[in-house]
Amino acid sequence: MGKRKPTMPRLTEAQFTTQVIALFRLNGWMVSHFRPARTAKGWRTAIQGDAGFGDIVAARRGRKIMAELKVGRNIASPDQILWLWAWGNDAFVWYPQDWDKIQAVAEGRM
């Protein structure tokens, strides 16, 4: 019988978000994330303006980044892609497997 490859436990998007926020705060960034709330019509995030705003916005010493966080096979929606495009160079779609890149941005190496 062959050896089974160990599998990593699957993160939820909420767990991944918590880890990214902690990493950025540890590295001196101001971070904002808007969480949805349960309403009578299901989960909603109150906004005024254009839908699709990124999951994480962080700023440190004049640099501002926006990141859309995804897990599993989830992909960014067209509205999210428009926001990231409008944001410019410091806009990212990150998955847990991108941790080295996320850490490089948080530490200012990228």
PDB file of N, CA and C in Angstrom:
ATOM      1  N   MET A   1       0.846  -1.183   0.000  1.00  0.00           N
ATOM      2  CA  MET A   1       0.000   0.000   0.000  1.00  0.00           C
ATOM      3  C   MET A   1       0.889   1.242   0.000  1.00  0.00           C
ATOM      4  N   GLY A   2       0.596   2.212  -0.884  1.00  0.00           N
ATOM      5  CA  GLY A   2       1.391   3.427  -0.987  1.00  0.00           C
ATOM      6  C   GLY A   2       1.145   4.384   0.168  1.00  0.00           C
ATOM      7  N   LYS A   3       2.116   5.241   0.367  1.00  0.00           N
ATOM      8  CA  LYS A   3       1.964   6.255   1.419  1.00  0.00           C
ATOM      9  C   LYS A   3       0.972   7.312   0.967  1.00  0.00           C
ATOM     10  N   ARG A   4       0.145   7.737   1.886  1.00  0.00           N
ATOM     11  CA  ARG A   4      -0.801   8.810   1.586  1.00  0.00           C
ATOM     12  C   ARG A   4      -0.139  10.139   1.869  1.00  0.00           C
ATOM     13  N   LYS A   5      -0.340  11.046   0.965  1.00  0.00           N
ATOM     14  CA  LYS A   5       0.195  12.393   1.123  1.00  0.00           C
ATOM     15  C   LYS A   5      -0.615  13.118   2.196  1.00  0.00           C
ATOM     16  N   PRO A   6       0.055  13.724   3.192  1.00  0.00           N
ATOM     17  CA  PRO A   6      -0.711  14.462   4.213  1.00  0.00           C
ATOM     18  C   PRO A   6      -1.428  15.643   3.580  1.00  0.00           C
ATOM     19  N   THR A   7      -2.622  15.911   4.039  1.00  0.00           N
ATOM     20  CA  THR A   7      -3.379  17.037   3.508  1.00  0.00           C
ATOM     21  C   THR A   7      -3.481  18.124   4.565  1.00  0.00           C
ATOM     22  N   MET A   8      -3.455  19.348   4.093  1.00  0.00           N
ATOM     23  CA  MET A   8      -3.613  20.491   4.983  1.00  0.00           C
ATOM     24  C   MET A   8      -5.095  20.677   5.270  1.00  0.00           C
ATOM     25  N   PRO A   9      -5.432  21.033   6.504  1.00  0.00           N
ATOM     26  CA  PRO A   9      -6.844  21.318   6.756  1.00  0.00           C
ATOM     27  C   PRO A   9      -7.281  22.515   5.925  1.00  0.00           C
ATOM     28  N   ARG A  10      -8.472  22.456   5.405  1.00  0.00           N
ATOM     29  CA  ARG A  10      -8.979  23.532   4.560  1.00  0.00           C
ATOM     30  C   ARG A  10      -9.406  24.712   5.438  1.00  0.00           C
ATOM     31  N   LEU A  11      -8.900  25.879   5.098  1.00  0.00           N
ATOM     32  CA  LEU A  11      -9.274  27.100   5.799  1.00  0.00           C
ATOM     33  C   LEU A  11     -10.605  27.609   5.262  1.00  0.00           C
ATOM     34  N   THR A  12     -11.379  28.227   6.126  1.00  0.00           N
ATOM     35  CA  THR A  12     -12.536  28.977   5.652  1.00  0.00           C
ATOM     36  C   THR A  12     -12.037  30.361   5.239  1.00  0.00           C
ATOM     37  N   GLU A  13     -12.847  31.074   4.480  1.00  0.00           N
ATOM     38  CA  GLU A  13     -12.446  32.430   4.097  1.00  0.00           C
ATOM     39  C   GLU A  13     -12.321  33.309   5.337  1.00  0.00           C
ATOM     40  N   ALA A  14     -13.178  33.105   6.337  1.00  0.00           N
ATOM     41  CA  ALA A  14     -13.102  33.892   7.576  1.00  0.00           C
ATOM     42  C   ALA A  14     -11.781  33.632   8.303  1.00  0.00           C
ATOM     43  N   GLN A  15     -11.342  32.377   8.369  1.00  0.00           N
ATOM     44  CA  GLN A  15     -10.070  32.055   9.023  1.00  0.00           C
ATOM     45  C   GLN A  15      -8.898  32.663   8.257  1.00  0.00           C
ATOM     46  N   PHE A  16      -8.947  32.554   6.940  1.00  0.00           N
ATOM     47  CA  PHE A  16      -7.900  33.125   6.093  1.00  0.00           C
ATOM     48  C   PHE A  16      -7.831  34.635   6.276  1.00  0.00           C
ATOM     49  N   THR A  17      -8.983  35.280   6.301  1.00  0.00           N
ATOM     50  CA  THR A  17      -9.052  36.733   6.501  1.00  0.00           C
ATOM     51  C   THR A  17      -8.421  37.113   7.838  1.00  0.00           C
ATOM     52  N   THR A  18      -8.748  36.374   8.885  1.00  0.00           N
ATOM     53  CA  THR A  18      -8.185  36.641  10.213  1.00  0.00           C
ATOM     54  C   THR A  18      -6.667  36.537  10.187  1.00  0.00           C
ATOM     55  N   GLN A  19      -6.135  35.536   9.489  1.00  0.00           N
ATOM     56  CA  GLN A  19      -4.682  35.355   9.403  1.00  0.00           C
ATOM     57  C   GLN A  19      -4.024  36.504   8.636  1.00  0.00           C
ATOM     58  N   VAL A  20      -4.624  36.917   7.539  1.00  0.00           N
ATOM     59  CA  VAL A  20      -4.055  38.015   6.743  1.00  0.00           C
ATOM     60  C   VAL A  20      -4.077  39.313   7.548  1.00  0.00           C
ATOM     61  N   ILE A  21      -5.181  39.598   8.210  1.00  0.00           N
ATOM     62  CA  ILE A  21      -5.260  40.810   9.035  1.00  0.00           C
ATOM     63  C   ILE A  21      -4.189  40.788  10.114  1.00  0.00           C
ATOM     64  N   ALA A  22      -4.025  39.658  10.797  1.00  0.00           N
ATOM     65  CA  ALA A  22      -3.020  39.548  11.867  1.00  0.00           C
ATOM     66  C   ALA A  22      -1.615  39.782  11.313  1.00  0.00           C
ATOM     67  N   LEU A  23      -1.304  39.207  10.159  1.00  0.00           N
ATOM     68  CA  LEU A  23       0.013  39.381   9.557  1.00  0.00           C
ATOM     69  C   LEU A  23       0.285  40.845   9.229  1.00  0.00           C
ATOM     70  N   PHE A  24      -0.695  41.503   8.613  1.00  0.00           N
ATOM     71  CA  PHE A  24      -0.490  42.908   8.253  1.00  0.00           C
ATOM     72  C   PHE A  24      -0.374  43.791   9.490  1.00  0.00           C
ATOM     73  N   ARG A  25      -1.196  43.562  10.496  1.00  0.00           N
ATOM     74  CA  ARG A  25      -1.104  44.365  11.724  1.00  0.00           C
ATOM     75  C   ARG A  25       0.228  44.134  12.418  1.00  0.00           C
ATOM     76  N   LEU A  26       0.706  42.892  12.424  1.00  0.00           N
ATOM     77  CA  LEU A  26       2.003  42.567  13.015  1.00  0.00           C
ATOM     78  C   LEU A  26       3.130  43.341  12.337  1.00  0.00           C
ATOM     79  N   ASN A  27       2.939  43.645  11.055  1.00  0.00           N
ATOM     80  CA  ASN A  27       3.951  44.364  10.286  1.00  0.00           C
ATOM     81  C   ASN A  27       3.681  45.867  10.198  1.00  0.00           C
ATOM     82  N   GLY A  28       2.810  46.383  11.066  1.00  0.00           N
ATOM     83  CA  GLY A  28       2.624  47.827  11.192  1.00  0.00           C
ATOM     84  C   GLY A  28       1.641  48.481  10.238  1.00  0.00           C
ATOM     85  N   TRP A  29       0.811  47.698   9.571  1.00  0.00           N
ATOM     86  CA  TRP A  29      -0.182  48.253   8.656  1.00  0.00           C
ATOM     87  C   TRP A  29      -1.469  48.583   9.413  1.00  0.00           C
ATOM     88  N   MET A  30      -2.165  49.615   8.964  1.00  0.00           N
ATOM     89  CA  MET A  30      -3.551  49.845   9.369  1.00  0.00           C
ATOM     90  C   MET A  30      -4.388  48.998   8.413  1.00  0.00           C
ATOM     91  N   VAL A  31      -5.362  48.273   8.935  1.00  0.00           N
ATOM     92  CA  VAL A  31      -6.127  47.326   8.119  1.00  0.00           C
ATOM     93  C   VAL A  31      -7.614  47.520   8.349  1.00  0.00           C
ATOM     94  N   SER A  32      -8.377  47.393   7.273  1.00  0.00           N
ATOM     95  CA  SER A  32      -9.834  47.451   7.381  1.00  0.00           C
ATOM     96  C   SER A  32     -10.451  46.292   6.607  1.00  0.00           C
ATOM     97  N   HIS A  33     -11.476  45.711   7.206  1.00  0.00           N
ATOM     98  CA  HIS A  33     -12.245  44.630   6.577  1.00  0.00           C
ATOM     99  C   HIS A  33     -13.702  44.829   6.981  1.00  0.00           C
ATOM    100  N   PHE A  34     -14.594  44.758   6.029  1.00  0.00           N
ATOM    101  CA  PHE A  34     -16.017  44.951   6.302  1.00  0.00           C
ATOM    102  C   PHE A  34     -16.700  43.595   6.299  1.00  0.00           C
ATOM    103  N   ARG A  35     -17.267  43.222   7.441  1.00  0.00           N
ATOM    104  CA  ARG A  35     -17.887  41.903   7.569  1.00  0.00           C
ATOM    105  C   ARG A  35     -19.378  41.986   7.299  1.00  0.00           C
ATOM    106  N   PRO A  36     -19.908  40.966   6.647  1.00  0.00           N
ATOM    107  CA  PRO A  36     -21.360  40.917   6.440  1.00  0.00           C
ATOM    108  C   PRO A  36     -22.078  40.605   7.748  1.00  0.00           C
ATOM    109  N   ALA A  37     -23.333  40.964   7.793  1.00  0.00           N
ATOM    110  CA  ALA A  37     -24.176  40.674   8.961  1.00  0.00           C
ATOM    111  C   ALA A  37     -25.410  39.908   8.494  1.00  0.00           C
ATOM    112  N   ARG A  38     -25.920  39.055   9.347  1.00  0.00           N
ATOM    113  CA  ARG A  38     -27.115  38.287   9.014  1.00  0.00           C
ATOM    114  C   ARG A  38     -28.346  39.183   9.148  1.00  0.00           C
ATOM    115  N   THR A  39     -29.170  39.199   8.112  1.00  0.00           N
ATOM    116  CA  THR A  39     -30.414  39.953   8.128  1.00  0.00           C
ATOM    117  C   THR A  39     -31.556  38.987   7.859  1.00  0.00           C
ATOM    118  N   ALA A  40     -32.762  39.501   7.848  1.00  0.00           N
ATOM    119  CA  ALA A  40     -33.923  38.669   7.533  1.00  0.00           C
ATOM    120  C   ALA A  40     -33.833  38.115   6.113  1.00  0.00           C
ATOM    121  N   LYS A  41     -33.069  38.780   5.252  1.00  0.00           N
ATOM    122  CA  LYS A  41     -32.920  38.351   3.860  1.00  0.00           C
ATOM    123  C   LYS A  41     -31.612  37.602   3.623  1.00  0.00           C
ATOM    124  N   GLY A  42     -30.939  37.157   4.683  1.00  0.00           N
ATOM    125  CA  GLY A  42     -29.668  36.446   4.540  1.00  0.00           C
ATOM    126  C   GLY A  42     -28.497  37.355   4.898  1.00  0.00           C
ATOM    127  N   TRP A  43     -27.301  36.942   4.504  1.00  0.00           N
ATOM    128  CA  TRP A  43     -26.096  37.708   4.810  1.00  0.00           C
ATOM    129  C   TRP A  43     -25.977  38.900   3.862  1.00  0.00           C
ATOM    130  N   ARG A  44     -25.725  40.083   4.447  1.00  0.00           N
ATOM    131  CA  ARG A  44     -25.591  41.307   3.669  1.00  0.00           C
ATOM    132  C   ARG A  44     -24.471  42.170   4.258  1.00  0.00           C
ATOM    133  N   THR A  45     -23.767  42.878   3.388  1.00  0.00           N
ATOM    134  CA  THR A  45     -22.799  43.883   3.816  1.00  0.00           C
ATOM    135  C   THR A  45     -23.340  45.224   3.350  1.00  0.00           C
ATOM    136  N   ALA A  46     -23.617  46.090   4.300  1.00  0.00           N
ATOM    137  CA  ALA A  46     -24.188  47.396   3.966  1.00  0.00           C
ATOM    138  C   ALA A  46     -23.149  48.232   3.225  1.00  0.00           C
ATOM    139  N   ILE A  47     -23.525  48.712   2.048  1.00  0.00           N
ATOM    140  CA  ILE A  47     -22.644  49.599   1.280  1.00  0.00           C
ATOM    141  C   ILE A  47     -23.484  50.684   0.639  1.00  0.00           C
ATOM    142  N   GLN A  48     -22.816  51.743   0.290  1.00  0.00           N
ATOM    143  CA  GLN A  48     -23.414  52.765  -0.563  1.00  0.00           C
ATOM    144  C   GLN A  48     -22.382  53.018  -1.647  1.00  0.00           C
ATOM    145  N   GLY A  49     -22.745  52.790  -2.870  1.00  0.00           N
ATOM    146  CA  GLY A  49     -21.795  52.946  -3.962  1.00  0.00           C
ATOM    147  C   GLY A  49     -21.665  51.655  -4.752  1.00  0.00           C
ATOM    148  N   ASP A  50     -20.500  51.428  -5.309  1.00  0.00           N
ATOM    149  CA  ASP A  50     -20.278  50.299  -6.199  1.00  0.00           C
ATOM    150  C   ASP A  50     -19.980  49.017  -5.428  1.00  0.00           C
ATOM    151  N   ALA A  51     -20.623  47.944  -5.836  1.00  0.00           N
ATOM    152  CA  ALA A  51     -20.417  46.631  -5.219  1.00  0.00           C
ATOM    153  C   ALA A  51     -19.052  46.083  -5.610  1.00  0.00           C
ATOM    154  N   GLY A  52     -18.560  45.139  -4.819  1.00  0.00           N
ATOM    155  CA  GLY A  52     -17.345  44.418  -5.151  1.00  0.00           C
ATOM    156  C   GLY A  52     -16.086  44.917  -4.474  1.00  0.00           C
ATOM    157  N   PHE A  53     -16.213  45.861  -3.521  1.00  0.00           N
ATOM    158  CA  PHE A  53     -15.044  46.393  -2.830  1.00  0.00           C
ATOM    159  C   PHE A  53     -14.252  45.262  -2.193  1.00  0.00           C
ATOM    160  N   GLY A  54     -12.929  45.364  -2.172  1.00  0.00           N
ATOM    161  CA  GLY A  54     -12.046  44.299  -1.691  1.00  0.00           C
ATOM    162  C   GLY A  54     -12.283  43.893  -0.250  1.00  0.00           C
ATOM    163  N   ASP A  55     -11.815  42.702   0.079  1.00  0.00           N
ATOM    164  CA  ASP A  55     -11.943  42.172   1.439  1.00  0.00           C
ATOM    165  C   ASP A  55     -11.050  42.900   2.429  1.00  0.00           C
ATOM    166  N   ILE A  56      -9.860  43.251   1.992  1.00  0.00           N
ATOM    167  CA  ILE A  56      -8.868  43.875   2.868  1.00  0.00           C
ATOM    168  C   ILE A  56      -8.361  45.144   2.203  1.00  0.00           C
ATOM    169  N   VAL A  57      -8.309  46.206   2.974  1.00  0.00           N
ATOM    170  CA  VAL A  57      -7.625  47.429   2.571  1.00  0.00           C
ATOM    171  C   VAL A  57      -6.627  47.717   3.681  1.00  0.00           C
ATOM    172  N   ALA A  58      -5.374  47.953   3.283  1.00  0.00           N
ATOM    173  CA  ALA A  58      -4.337  48.192   4.285  1.00  0.00           C
ATOM    174  C   ALA A  58      -3.464  49.352   3.828  1.00  0.00           C
ATOM    175  N   ALA A  59      -2.941  50.106   4.808  1.00  0.00           N
ATOM    176  CA  ALA A  59      -2.082  51.252   4.502  1.00  0.00           C
ATOM    177  C   ALA A  59      -0.934  51.297   5.497  1.00  0.00           C
ATOM    178  N   ARG A  60       0.233  51.646   4.965  1.00  0.00           N
ATOM    179  CA  ARG A  60       1.423  51.811   5.810  1.00  0.00           C
ATOM    180  C   ARG A  60       2.394  52.719   5.089  1.00  0.00           C
ATOM    181  N   ARG A  61       2.797  53.798   5.752  1.00  0.00           N
ATOM    182  CA  ARG A  61       3.808  54.725   5.235  1.00  0.00           C
ATOM    183  C   ARG A  61       3.585  55.147   3.795  1.00  0.00           C
ATOM    184  N   GLY A  62       2.343  55.479   3.459  1.00  0.00           N
ATOM    185  CA  GLY A  62       2.020  55.975   2.128  1.00  0.00           C
ATOM    186  C   GLY A  62       1.643  54.909   1.114  1.00  0.00           C
ATOM    187  N   ARG A  63       1.866  53.657   1.432  1.00  0.00           N
ATOM    188  CA  ARG A  63       1.480  52.581   0.521  1.00  0.00           C
ATOM    189  C   ARG A  63       0.100  52.067   0.907  1.00  0.00           C
ATOM    190  N   LYS A  64      -0.729  51.858  -0.091  1.00  0.00           N
ATOM    191  CA  LYS A  64      -2.083  51.365   0.135  1.00  0.00           C
ATOM    192  C   LYS A  64      -2.309  50.139  -0.735  1.00  0.00           C
ATOM    193  N   ILE A  65      -2.848  49.075  -0.134  1.00  0.00           N
ATOM    194  CA  ILE A  65      -3.125  47.874  -0.908  1.00  0.00           C
ATOM    195  C   ILE A  65      -4.589  47.481  -0.737  1.00  0.00           C
ATOM    196  N   MET A  66      -5.088  46.779  -1.740  1.00  0.00           N
ATOM    197  CA  MET A  66      -6.418  46.179  -1.668  1.00  0.00           C
ATOM    198  C   MET A  66      -6.240  44.714  -2.034  1.00  0.00           C
ATOM    199  N   ALA A  67      -6.906  43.841  -1.285  1.00  0.00           N
ATOM    200  CA  ALA A  67      -6.823  42.419  -1.589  1.00  0.00           C
ATOM    201  C   ALA A  67      -8.195  41.778  -1.502  1.00  0.00           C
ATOM    202  N   GLU A  68      -8.463  40.936  -2.452  1.00  0.00           N
ATOM    203  CA  GLU A  68      -9.647  40.082  -2.438  1.00  0.00           C
ATOM    204  C   GLU A  68      -9.145  38.703  -2.011  1.00  0.00           C
ATOM    205  N   LEU A  69      -9.737  38.145  -0.973  1.00  0.00           N
ATOM    206  CA  LEU A  69      -9.286  36.866  -0.425  1.00  0.00           C
ATOM    207  C   LEU A  69     -10.247  35.761  -0.834  1.00  0.00           C
ATOM    208  N   LYS A  70      -9.687  34.666  -1.309  1.00  0.00           N
ATOM    209  CA  LYS A  70     -10.488  33.539  -1.770  1.00  0.00           C
ATOM    210  C   LYS A  70      -9.907  32.239  -1.224  1.00  0.00           C
ATOM    211  N   VAL A  71     -10.752  31.254  -1.044  1.00  0.00           N
ATOM    212  CA  VAL A  71     -10.307  29.915  -0.660  1.00  0.00           C
ATOM    213  C   VAL A  71     -10.925  28.902  -1.616  1.00  0.00           C
ATOM    214  N   GLY A  72     -10.289  27.746  -1.681  1.00  0.00           N
ATOM    215  CA  GLY A  72     -10.821  26.684  -2.530  1.00  0.00           C
ATOM    216  C   GLY A  72     -10.865  27.092  -3.980  1.00  0.00           C
ATOM    217  N   ARG A  73     -11.983  26.809  -4.622  1.00  0.00           N
ATOM    218  CA  ARG A  73     -12.140  27.106  -6.046  1.00  0.00           C
ATOM    219  C   ARG A  73     -12.861  28.423  -6.300  1.00  0.00           C
ATOM    220  N   ASN A  74     -13.087  29.204  -5.247  1.00  0.00           N
ATOM    221  CA  ASN A  74     -13.757  30.493  -5.421  1.00  0.00           C
ATOM    222  C   ASN A  74     -12.899  31.417  -6.275  1.00  0.00           C
ATOM    223  N   ILE A  75     -13.557  32.230  -7.065  1.00  0.00           N
ATOM    224  CA  ILE A  75     -12.856  33.208  -7.900  1.00  0.00           C
ATOM    225  C   ILE A  75     -13.488  34.584  -7.680  1.00  0.00           C
ATOM    226  N   ALA A  76     -12.746  35.610  -8.036  1.00  0.00           N
ATOM    227  CA  ALA A  76     -13.246  36.981  -7.895  1.00  0.00           C
ATOM    228  C   ALA A  76     -14.388  37.216  -8.891  1.00  0.00           C
ATOM    229  N   SER A  77     -15.391  37.940  -8.426  1.00  0.00           N
ATOM    230  CA  SER A  77     -16.537  38.277  -9.273  1.00  0.00           C
ATOM    231  C   SER A  77     -16.146  39.406 -10.230  1.00  0.00           C
ATOM    232  N   PRO A  78     -16.943  39.626 -11.272  1.00  0.00           N
ATOM    233  CA  PRO A  78     -16.657  40.755 -12.173  1.00  0.00           C
ATOM    234  C   PRO A  78     -16.599  42.094 -11.426  1.00  0.00           C
ATOM    235  N   ASP A  79     -17.495  42.327 -10.455  1.00  0.00           N
ATOM    236  CA  ASP A  79     -17.457  43.580  -9.687  1.00  0.00           C
ATOM    237  C   ASP A  79     -16.164  43.693  -8.886  1.00  0.00           C
ATOM    238  N   GLN A  80     -15.706  42.588  -8.311  1.00  0.00           N
ATOM    239  CA  GLN A  80     -14.456  42.603  -7.546  1.00  0.00           C
ATOM    240  C   GLN A  80     -13.268  42.873  -8.463  1.00  0.00           C
ATOM    241  N   ILE A  81     -13.266  42.260  -9.635  1.00  0.00           N
ATOM    242  CA  ILE A  81     -12.191  42.489 -10.604  1.00  0.00           C
ATOM    243  C   ILE A  81     -12.145  43.961 -11.021  1.00  0.00           C
ATOM    244  N   LEU A  82     -13.311  44.588 -11.219  1.00  0.00           N
ATOM    245  CA  LEU A  82     -13.343  46.009 -11.584  1.00  0.00           C
ATOM    246  C   LEU A  82     -12.712  46.873 -10.501  1.00  0.00           C
ATOM    247  N   TRP A  83     -13.025  46.588  -9.230  1.00  0.00           N
ATOM    248  CA  TRP A  83     -12.425  47.342  -8.134  1.00  0.00           C
ATOM    249  C   TRP A  83     -10.908  47.168  -8.115  1.00  0.00           C
ATOM    250  N   LEU A  84     -10.442  45.937  -8.274  1.00  0.00           N
ATOM    251  CA  LEU A  84      -9.005  45.678  -8.246  1.00  0.00           C
ATOM    252  C   LEU A  84      -8.309  46.384  -9.406  1.00  0.00           C
ATOM    253  N   TRP A  85      -8.922  46.365 -10.572  1.00  0.00           N
ATOM    254  CA  TRP A  85      -8.370  47.046 -11.738  1.00  0.00           C
ATOM    255  C   TRP A  85      -8.304  48.550 -11.480  1.00  0.00           C
ATOM    256  N   ALA A  86      -9.387  49.099 -10.917  1.00  0.00           N
ATOM    257  CA  ALA A  86      -9.429  50.541 -10.642  1.00  0.00           C
ATOM    258  C   ALA A  86      -8.397  50.940  -9.583  1.00  0.00           C
ATOM    259  N   TRP A  87      -8.132  50.064  -8.637  1.00  0.00           N
ATOM    260  CA  TRP A  87      -7.183  50.349  -7.554  1.00  0.00           C
ATOM    261  C   TRP A  87      -5.776  50.522  -8.108  1.00  0.00           C
ATOM    262  N   GLY A  88      -5.390  49.690  -9.073  1.00  0.00           N
ATOM    263  CA  GLY A  88      -4.073  49.821  -9.691  1.00  0.00           C
ATOM    264  C   GLY A  88      -3.105  48.726  -9.284  1.00  0.00           C
ATOM    265  N   ASN A  89      -1.827  49.086  -9.244  1.00  0.00           N
ATOM    266  CA  ASN A  89      -0.759  48.104  -9.058  1.00  0.00           C
ATOM    267  C   ASN A  89      -0.797  47.347  -7.738  1.00  0.00           C
ATOM    268  N   ASP A  90      -1.203  47.961  -6.679  1.00  0.00           N
ATOM    269  CA  ASP A  90      -1.205  47.297  -5.371  1.00  0.00           C
ATOM    270  C   ASP A  90      -2.558  46.681  -5.052  1.00  0.00           C
ATOM    271  N   ALA A  91      -3.077  45.905  -5.992  1.00  0.00           N
ATOM    272  CA  ALA A  91      -4.346  45.198  -5.822  1.00  0.00           C
ATOM    273  C   ALA A  91      -4.104  43.721  -6.122  1.00  0.00           C
ATOM    274  N   PHE A  92      -4.658  42.859  -5.279  1.00  0.00           N
ATOM    275  CA  PHE A  92      -4.328  41.442  -5.352  1.00  0.00           C
ATOM    276  C   PHE A  92      -5.558  40.568  -5.150  1.00  0.00           C
ATOM    277  N   VAL A  93      -5.531  39.378  -5.742  1.00  0.00           N
ATOM    278  CA  VAL A  93      -6.430  38.282  -5.372  1.00  0.00           C
ATOM    279  C   VAL A  93      -5.520  37.245  -4.741  1.00  0.00           C
ATOM    280  N   TRP A  94      -5.768  36.920  -3.472  1.00  0.00           N
ATOM    281  CA  TRP A  94      -4.906  36.001  -2.739  1.00  0.00           C
ATOM    282  C   TRP A  94      -5.675  34.775  -2.275  1.00  0.00           C
ATOM    283  N   TYR A  95      -5.002  33.638  -2.353  1.00  0.00           N
ATOM    284  CA  TYR A  95      -5.472  32.352  -1.839  1.00  0.00           C
ATOM    285  C   TYR A  95      -4.502  31.910  -0.742  1.00  0.00           C
ATOM    286  N   PRO A  96      -4.918  30.998   0.141  1.00  0.00           N
ATOM    287  CA  PRO A  96      -3.991  30.538   1.186  1.00  0.00           C
ATOM    288  C   PRO A  96      -2.642  30.070   0.634  1.00  0.00           C
ATOM    289  N   GLN A  97      -2.632  29.460  -0.540  1.00  0.00           N
ATOM    290  CA  GLN A  97      -1.367  28.968  -1.100  1.00  0.00           C
ATOM    291  C   GLN A  97      -0.447  30.109  -1.553  1.00  0.00           C
ATOM    292  N   ASP A  98      -0.930  31.354  -1.527  1.00  0.00           N
ATOM    293  CA  ASP A  98      -0.124  32.524  -1.866  1.00  0.00           C
ATOM    294  C   ASP A  98       0.578  33.120  -0.643  1.00  0.00           C
ATOM    295  N   TRP A  99       0.633  32.378   0.455  1.00  0.00           N
ATOM    296  CA  TRP A  99       1.102  32.927   1.726  1.00  0.00           C
ATOM    297  C   TRP A  99       2.481  33.588   1.609  1.00  0.00           C
ATOM    298  N   ASP A 100       3.406  32.999   0.860  1.00  0.00           N
ATOM    299  CA  ASP A 100       4.738  33.608   0.712  1.00  0.00           C
ATOM    300  C   ASP A 100       4.647  34.991   0.075  1.00  0.00           C
ATOM    301  N   LYS A 101       3.797  35.148  -0.939  1.00  0.00           N
ATOM    302  CA  LYS A 101       3.605  36.451  -1.589  1.00  0.00           C
ATOM    303  C   LYS A 101       2.938  37.437  -0.629  1.00  0.00           C
ATOM    304  N   ILE A 102       1.937  36.947   0.107  1.00  0.00           N
ATOM    305  CA  ILE A 102       1.230  37.808   1.074  1.00  0.00           C
ATOM    306  C   ILE A 102       2.220  38.311   2.113  1.00  0.00           C
ATOM    307  N   GLN A 103       3.049  37.409   2.605  1.00  0.00           N
ATOM    308  CA  GLN A 103       4.044  37.778   3.615  1.00  0.00           C
ATOM    309  C   GLN A 103       5.046  38.775   3.041  1.00  0.00           C
ATOM    310  N   ALA A 104       5.452  38.594   1.796  1.00  0.00           N
ATOM    311  CA  ALA A 104       6.395  39.523   1.165  1.00  0.00           C
ATOM    312  C   ALA A 104       5.800  40.925   1.070  1.00  0.00           C
ATOM    313  N   VAL A 105       4.518  41.032   0.709  1.00  0.00           N
ATOM    314  CA  VAL A 105       3.854  42.343   0.651  1.00  0.00           C
ATOM    315  C   VAL A 105       3.760  42.929   2.052  1.00  0.00           C
ATOM    316  N   ALA A 106       3.325  42.147   3.013  1.00  0.00           N
ATOM    317  CA  ALA A 106       3.173  42.640   4.389  1.00  0.00           C
ATOM    318  C   ALA A 106       4.489  43.131   4.968  1.00  0.00           C
ATOM    319  N   GLU A 107       5.575  42.464   4.617  1.00  0.00           N
ATOM    320  CA  GLU A 107       6.890  42.830   5.141  1.00  0.00           C
ATOM    321  C   GLU A 107       7.584  43.898   4.305  1.00  0.00           C
ATOM    322  N   GLY A 108       6.933  44.332   3.207  1.00  0.00           N
ATOM    323  CA  GLY A 108       7.492  45.381   2.365  1.00  0.00           C
ATOM    324  C   GLY A 108       8.591  44.895   1.433  1.00  0.00           C
ATOM    325  N   ARG A 109       8.664  43.580   1.204  1.00  0.00           N
ATOM    326  CA  ARG A 109       9.674  43.037   0.287  1.00  0.00           C
ATOM    327  C   ARG A 109       9.150  42.943  -1.146  1.00  0.00           C
ATOM    328  N   MET A 110       7.898  43.222  -1.333  1.00  0.00           N
ATOM    329  CA  MET A 110       7.293  43.119  -2.665  1.00  0.00           C
ATOM    330  C   MET A 110       6.299  44.252  -2.851  1.00  0.00           C
TER     331      MET A 110
END
